Amino acid sequence: MTRTHQHPPHGEGGHHPAHDDGQAEILDLDAEVLAEHIAFITAWLPLRAAPRRIVDLGCGTGAGTFALLERFPEAHVTAVDTAAGHLQHLREKACARGVAERVRTVQADLDAADWPDLGTPDLVWASASMHHMARPDRALARVHDLLAPGGLFAVVELDGFPRFLPADAPEHRPGLEERCHRATDGFHAEHVPHRGADWGPMLAAAGFTVEDERTIAVDIPGDRGEAIGRYAHGSLQRVRGAAAPALAPEDLAALDELLDTASPYSILRRDDLAVRTERTVWAARRAQIPAAS
């Protein structure tokens, strides 16, 4: 198993909320800003043959779905999410891109006792979704049984929300962004305790053979496009919701100033933004059924 650091010019990632809570825009920005990264991961996967049947678990608005359709032009993708609004948005994008006949959407709660029929895929993709599972051990076992023998399960997990500001920003409250993230630790420990987990041992316990693991460092300069400012604004707006109760009043005021699009100190007006994060990918294989002797 190798563990390497790559620096592609863009990257993919995302936090897929368990409910349809109006986060389609931030998921679309995530896909736009980090598009080359997901392409890098799909090209890296240790596949034995191009998959024809793919399941995207926790698909959000389709960042992984569309990258997989582009990478594997003969494939069909079953896109699964709990949020009806995200799936509707995904279907609309599939129609606009002329690939609607290659996409099937399924609304399902993957923590439910029974899963819907998802077919027998050659590849299951789960990007930033497994850490939301209440019982990840049970979900991993179900994916194992779902896969075709010899099929691959790609788990892509995030180190956390991306960082956007320099360490000494903003000027009157240096280090604000890191303090905001630390202020969310209690919230995440309670609500998403599996974020940041090492999925290798859990995959092995579910019967998979982990063939490779790779940590990919993403560092995208802010001058790549105006979407990075909107991505930073949307991401920090979400961080604020979890961080606010634990932030010092001065930090909360400084954060609100960054988030105020009318303020001269708005994050949208800064020219020193970047996108810095890490993603770890586990490529896990279901054993091939031995041929009868």
Protein backbone atom coordinates (compact mmCIF):
# COMPACT_ATOMS: atom_id res chain seq x y z
CA MET A 1 0.00 0.00 0.00
CA THR A 2 1.39 3.39 -0.94
CA ARG A 3 0.69 6.73 0.66
CA THR A 4 1.81 9.65 -1.46
CA HIS A 5 1.18 13.37 -1.76
CA GLN A 6 0.14 14.82 -5.08
CA HIS A 7 -0.39 18.45 -6.06
CA PRO A 8 -2.73 18.55 -9.05
CA PRO A 9 -3.82 22.04 -10.03
CA HIS A 10 -7.37 21.40 -8.95
CA GLY A 11 -9.10 18.88 -6.77
CA GLU A 12 -12.47 17.39 -5.99
CA GLY A 13 -14.12 16.92 -2.72
CA GLY A 14 -17.17 17.81 -0.87
CA HIS A 15 -19.26 17.45 2.15
CA HIS A 16 -22.56 15.78 1.31
CA PRO A 17 -25.21 16.74 3.84
CA ALA A 18 -27.64 14.08 4.98
CA HIS A 19 -30.64 16.32 4.33
CA ASP A 20 -31.80 18.52 1.47
CA ASP A 21 -30.94 21.77 3.23
CA GLY A 22 -30.28 24.13 0.34
CA GLN A 23 -26.63 23.17 -0.12
CA ALA A 24 -26.82 22.46 -3.86
CA GLU A 25 -24.97 25.67 -4.71
CA ILE A 26 -21.97 24.91 -2.49
CA LEU A 27 -21.81 21.34 -3.83
CA ASP A 28 -21.81 22.67 -7.39
CA LEU A 29 -19.05 25.15 -6.51
CA ASP A 30 -17.11 22.32 -4.90
CA ALA A 31 -17.37 20.36 -8.14
CA GLU A 32 -16.39 23.34 -10.30
CA VAL A 33 -13.39 24.47 -8.26
CA LEU A 34 -12.05 20.97 -7.62
CA ALA A 35 -12.90 19.36 -10.96
CA GLU A 36 -9.38 18.36 -12.00
CA HIS A 37 -8.80 16.62 -8.69
CA ILE A 38 -11.70 14.21 -9.13
CA ALA A 39 -10.47 13.51 -12.65
CA PHE A 40 -7.05 12.73 -11.16
CA ILE A 41 -8.62 10.25 -8.73
CA THR A 42 -10.78 8.50 -11.33
CA ALA A 43 -7.68 8.08 -13.53
CA TRP A 44 -5.72 6.65 -10.58
CA LEU A 45 -8.21 3.94 -9.60
CA PRO A 46 -6.68 0.43 -9.93
CA LEU A 47 -9.40 -0.94 -12.19
CA ARG A 48 -8.92 -4.23 -14.04
CA ALA A 49 -11.33 -3.17 -16.78
CA ALA A 50 -13.47 -0.13 -17.53
CA PRO A 51 -16.59 -0.43 -15.35
CA ARG A 52 -19.97 -0.62 -17.06
CA ARG A 53 -22.17 -0.39 -13.94
CA ILE A 54 -21.30 2.19 -11.29
CA VAL A 55 -23.04 3.21 -8.07
CA ASP A 56 -22.32 6.67 -6.59
CA LEU A 57 -23.26 6.57 -2.89
CA GLY A 58 -24.07 9.95 -1.37
CA CYS A 59 -23.88 11.56 -4.80
CA GLY A 60 -24.97 15.07 -3.78
CA THR A 61 -25.54 17.09 -6.94
CA GLY A 62 -23.36 14.82 -9.04
CA ALA A 63 -19.70 15.84 -8.86
CA GLY A 64 -18.60 12.21 -8.85
CA THR A 65 -21.41 11.00 -11.10
CA PHE A 66 -20.46 13.27 -13.99
CA ALA A 67 -16.73 12.74 -13.58
CA LEU A 68 -17.27 8.98 -13.74
CA LEU A 69 -19.54 9.27 -16.78
CA GLU A 70 -16.85 11.30 -18.53
CA ARG A 71 -14.05 8.96 -17.54
CA PHE A 72 -15.96 5.81 -18.53
CA PRO A 73 -18.05 6.64 -21.62
CA GLU A 74 -19.66 3.18 -21.77
CA ALA A 75 -20.76 3.22 -18.14
CA HIS A 76 -24.14 3.82 -16.53
CA VAL A 77 -24.29 5.35 -13.04
CA THR A 78 -26.86 4.81 -10.31
CA ALA A 79 -26.71 7.97 -8.20
CA VAL A 80 -27.94 7.53 -4.61
CA ASP A 81 -28.68 10.27 -2.08
CA THR A 82 -31.13 11.05 0.72
CA ALA A 83 -31.95 14.52 -0.64
CA ALA A 84 -34.69 14.70 -3.25
CA GLY A 85 -33.65 18.23 -4.22
CA HIS A 86 -30.08 17.19 -4.93
CA LEU A 87 -31.25 14.30 -7.08
CA GLN A 88 -33.61 16.56 -9.03
CA HIS A 89 -30.74 18.98 -9.64
CA LEU A 90 -28.56 16.08 -10.77
CA ARG A 91 -31.21 14.89 -13.23
CA GLU A 92 -31.53 18.39 -14.67
CA LYS A 93 -27.77 18.59 -15.17
CA ALA A 94 -27.76 15.13 -16.78
CA CYS A 95 -30.39 16.29 -19.28
CA ALA A 96 -28.46 19.49 -20.01
CA ARG A 97 -25.29 17.48 -20.63
CA GLY A 98 -27.01 14.91 -22.84
CA VAL A 99 -26.31 11.94 -20.57
CA ALA A 100 -29.74 11.43 -18.97
CA GLU A 101 -30.06 7.94 -20.43
CA ARG A 102 -26.87 6.92 -18.60
CA VAL A 103 -28.01 8.08 -15.15
CA ARG A 104 -30.50 6.54 -12.75
CA THR A 105 -31.24 8.36 -9.49
CA VAL A 106 -32.34 6.61 -6.31
CA GLN A 107 -33.49 8.40 -3.16
CA ALA A 108 -32.51 6.27 -0.19
CA ASP A 109 -31.39 6.49 3.43
CA LEU A 110 -28.25 4.37 3.55
CA ASP A 111 -28.62 4.01 7.32
CA ALA A 112 -32.00 2.31 6.85
CA ALA A 113 -32.39 -1.38 7.60
CA ASP A 114 -32.89 -2.25 3.92
CA TRP A 115 -31.31 -0.79 0.84
CA PRO A 116 -33.11 -0.50 -2.50
CA ASP A 117 -32.03 -2.61 -5.44
CA LEU A 118 -28.87 -0.98 -6.77
CA GLY A 119 -27.95 -3.72 -9.19
CA THR A 120 -24.56 -5.46 -9.24
CA PRO A 121 -22.01 -2.72 -9.92
CA ASP A 122 -18.41 -3.15 -11.04
CA LEU A 123 -17.47 0.03 -9.17
CA VAL A 124 -18.95 1.72 -6.11
CA TRP A 125 -17.86 5.32 -5.49
CA ALA A 126 -18.38 7.10 -2.17
CA SER A 127 -16.91 10.60 -1.92
CA ALA A 128 -17.23 12.44 1.39
CA SER A 129 -20.29 10.38 2.26
CA MET A 130 -19.17 7.39 4.32
CA HIS A 131 -18.37 9.51 7.38
CA HIS A 132 -22.05 10.47 7.57
CA MET A 133 -23.13 6.87 8.17
CA ALA A 134 -24.43 6.11 11.66
CA ARG A 135 -23.29 2.48 11.21
CA PRO A 136 -20.41 2.54 8.75
CA ASP A 137 -19.54 -1.09 9.47
CA ARG A 138 -23.00 -2.17 8.31
CA ALA A 139 -22.82 0.11 5.24
CA LEU A 140 -19.41 -1.29 4.26
CA ALA A 141 -20.70 -4.86 4.55
CA ARG A 142 -23.64 -3.98 2.31
CA VAL A 143 -21.36 -2.45 -0.30
CA HIS A 144 -19.24 -5.60 -0.21
CA ASP A 145 -22.27 -7.78 -0.89
CA LEU A 146 -23.54 -5.37 -3.55
CA LEU A 147 -20.38 -5.38 -5.65
CA ALA A 148 -19.75 -7.84 -8.42
CA PRO A 149 -16.98 -10.32 -7.54
CA GLY A 150 -13.68 -8.63 -8.29
CA GLY A 151 -15.37 -5.21 -8.21
CA LEU A 152 -13.79 -2.11 -6.71
CA PHE A 153 -14.98 0.19 -3.93
CA ALA A 154 -13.46 3.69 -3.96
CA VAL A 155 -13.81 5.60 -0.69
CA VAL A 156 -12.80 9.27 -0.93
CA GLU A 157 -12.75 11.09 2.39
CA LEU A 158 -11.92 14.62 3.40
CA ASP A 159 -9.51 15.88 6.02
CA GLY A 160 -12.02 18.64 6.78
CA PHE A 161 -13.36 21.78 5.18
CA PRO A 162 -10.84 23.50 2.93
CA ARG A 163 -8.82 26.44 4.22
CA PHE A 164 -8.89 29.63 2.18
CA LEU A 165 -7.18 32.47 4.07
CA PRO A 166 -3.49 33.07 4.82
CA ALA A 167 -2.50 32.28 8.42
CA ASP A 168 -2.07 35.96 9.23
CA ALA A 169 -5.51 36.98 7.96
CA PRO A 170 -7.63 38.91 8.51
CA GLU A 171 -5.29 41.67 9.55
CA HIS A 172 -7.12 42.63 12.76
CA ARG A 173 -7.80 38.99 13.82
CA PRO A 174 -4.90 36.85 12.51
CA GLY A 175 -5.52 33.11 12.58
CA LEU A 176 -9.31 33.52 12.56
CA GLU A 177 -9.98 30.69 10.13
CA GLU A 178 -8.16 28.07 12.19
CA ARG A 179 -9.95 29.21 15.36
CA CYS A 180 -13.26 28.88 13.54
CA HIS A 181 -12.45 25.32 12.55
CA ARG A 182 -11.32 24.42 16.07
CA ALA A 183 -14.60 25.83 17.35
CA THR A 184 -16.47 23.23 15.29
CA ASP A 185 -14.61 20.26 16.80
CA GLY A 186 -17.26 19.57 19.43
CA PHE A 187 -20.08 19.76 16.90
CA HIS A 188 -18.36 17.35 14.53
CA ALA A 189 -17.38 14.94 17.30
CA GLU A 190 -21.06 14.66 18.18
CA HIS A 191 -22.67 14.70 14.74
CA VAL A 192 -20.05 13.19 12.39
CA PRO A 193 -17.77 11.12 14.64
CA HIS A 194 -16.35 9.13 11.71
CA ARG A 195 -14.95 12.16 9.91
CA GLY A 196 -11.20 11.72 9.61
CA ALA A 197 -11.38 7.96 10.31
CA ASP A 198 -8.90 5.47 8.87
CA TRP A 199 -11.15 3.45 6.60
CA GLY A 200 -8.53 0.81 5.77
CA PRO A 201 -9.11 -1.42 8.82
CA MET A 202 -12.88 -1.03 8.52
CA LEU A 203 -12.78 -2.02 4.86
CA ALA A 204 -10.68 -5.06 5.71
CA ALA A 205 -13.09 -6.04 8.48
CA ALA A 206 -15.94 -5.91 5.94
CA GLY A 207 -14.14 -8.44 3.73
CA PHE A 208 -12.39 -6.13 1.27
CA THR A 209 -8.76 -6.23 0.22
CA VAL A 210 -7.41 -2.67 0.33
CA GLU A 211 -5.22 -2.53 -2.77
CA ASP A 212 -4.04 1.04 -2.47
CA GLU A 213 -4.40 4.19 -0.39
CA ARG A 214 -3.34 7.67 -1.34
CA THR A 215 -3.49 11.05 0.35
CA ILE A 216 -3.75 13.92 -2.11
CA ALA A 217 -2.84 17.44 -1.05
CA VAL A 218 -4.74 20.16 -2.90
CA ASP A 219 -3.38 23.70 -3.19
CA ILE A 220 -5.21 25.90 -5.68
CA PRO A 221 -4.28 29.59 -6.01
CA GLY A 222 -7.18 31.99 -5.78
CA ASP A 223 -6.44 33.60 -9.12
CA ARG A 224 -7.78 30.51 -10.91
CA GLY A 225 -11.24 32.10 -11.10
CA GLU A 226 -13.93 34.04 -9.29
CA ALA A 227 -15.66 30.80 -8.26
CA ILE A 228 -12.99 30.34 -5.58
CA GLY A 229 -14.21 33.45 -3.75
CA ARG A 230 -17.81 32.21 -3.84
CA TYR A 231 -16.64 28.77 -2.73
CA ALA A 232 -14.76 30.31 0.20
CA HIS A 233 -17.77 32.43 1.16
CA GLY A 234 -20.20 29.49 1.02
CA SER A 235 -17.88 27.20 2.94
CA LEU A 236 -17.17 29.70 5.73
CA GLN A 237 -20.90 30.48 5.95
CA ARG A 238 -21.46 26.81 6.74
CA VAL A 239 -18.58 26.73 9.23
CA ARG A 240 -20.14 29.71 11.02
CA GLY A 241 -23.28 27.74 11.84
CA ALA A 242 -21.34 25.15 13.83
CA ALA A 243 -18.62 27.46 15.16
CA ALA A 244 -20.65 30.42 16.42
CA PRO A 245 -21.54 29.08 19.89
CA ALA A 246 -17.87 28.46 20.72
CA LEU A 247 -16.30 31.57 19.14
CA ALA A 248 -15.14 34.63 21.06
CA PRO A 249 -17.34 37.65 20.28
CA GLU A 250 -14.44 39.39 18.54
CA ASP A 251 -13.87 36.39 16.28
CA LEU A 252 -17.56 36.07 15.46
CA ALA A 253 -17.68 39.77 14.55
CA ALA A 254 -14.60 39.39 12.32
CA LEU A 255 -16.10 36.31 10.64
CA ASP A 256 -19.37 38.12 10.00
CA GLU A 257 -17.40 40.96 8.46
CA LEU A 258 -15.75 38.52 6.07
CA LEU A 259 -19.14 37.04 5.20
CA ASP A 260 -20.83 40.41 4.66
CA THR A 261 -20.78 40.79 0.88
CA ALA A 262 -21.36 44.55 1.21
CA SER A 263 -18.39 45.04 3.52
CA PRO A 264 -15.07 46.38 2.17
CA TYR A 265 -13.52 43.48 4.15
CA SER A 266 -15.70 40.83 2.48
CA ILE A 267 -13.92 37.61 1.59
CA LEU A 268 -15.15 38.19 -1.97
CA ARG A 269 -12.91 41.26 -2.19
CA ARG A 270 -9.70 39.54 -1.09
CA ASP A 271 -6.93 38.76 -3.56
CA ASP A 272 -4.98 36.37 -1.31
CA LEU A 273 -7.33 33.38 -1.26
CA ALA A 274 -6.33 29.79 -2.02
CA VAL A 275 -7.97 26.39 -1.62
CA ARG A 276 -5.95 24.11 0.65
CA THR A 277 -7.15 20.70 1.74
CA GLU A 278 -6.39 16.99 1.65
CA ARG A 279 -8.33 14.00 0.42
CA THR A 280 -7.52 10.37 1.14
CA VAL A 281 -8.64 7.63 -1.25
CA TRP A 282 -8.92 3.95 -0.41
CA ALA A 283 -9.27 1.48 -3.30
CA ALA A 284 -10.76 -1.76 -1.95
CA ARG A 285 -11.47 -4.94 -3.88
CA ARG A 286 -14.13 -7.58 -3.36
CA ALA A 287 -12.58 -10.99 -3.83
CA GLN A 288 -13.12 -12.78 -7.12
CA ILE A 289 -15.12 -15.99 -6.73
CA PRO A 290 -12.76 -18.87 -7.51
CA ALA A 291 -13.59 -20.90 -10.59
CA ALA A 292 -15.07 -24.32 -9.91
CA SER A 293 -12.51 -27.09 -10.18
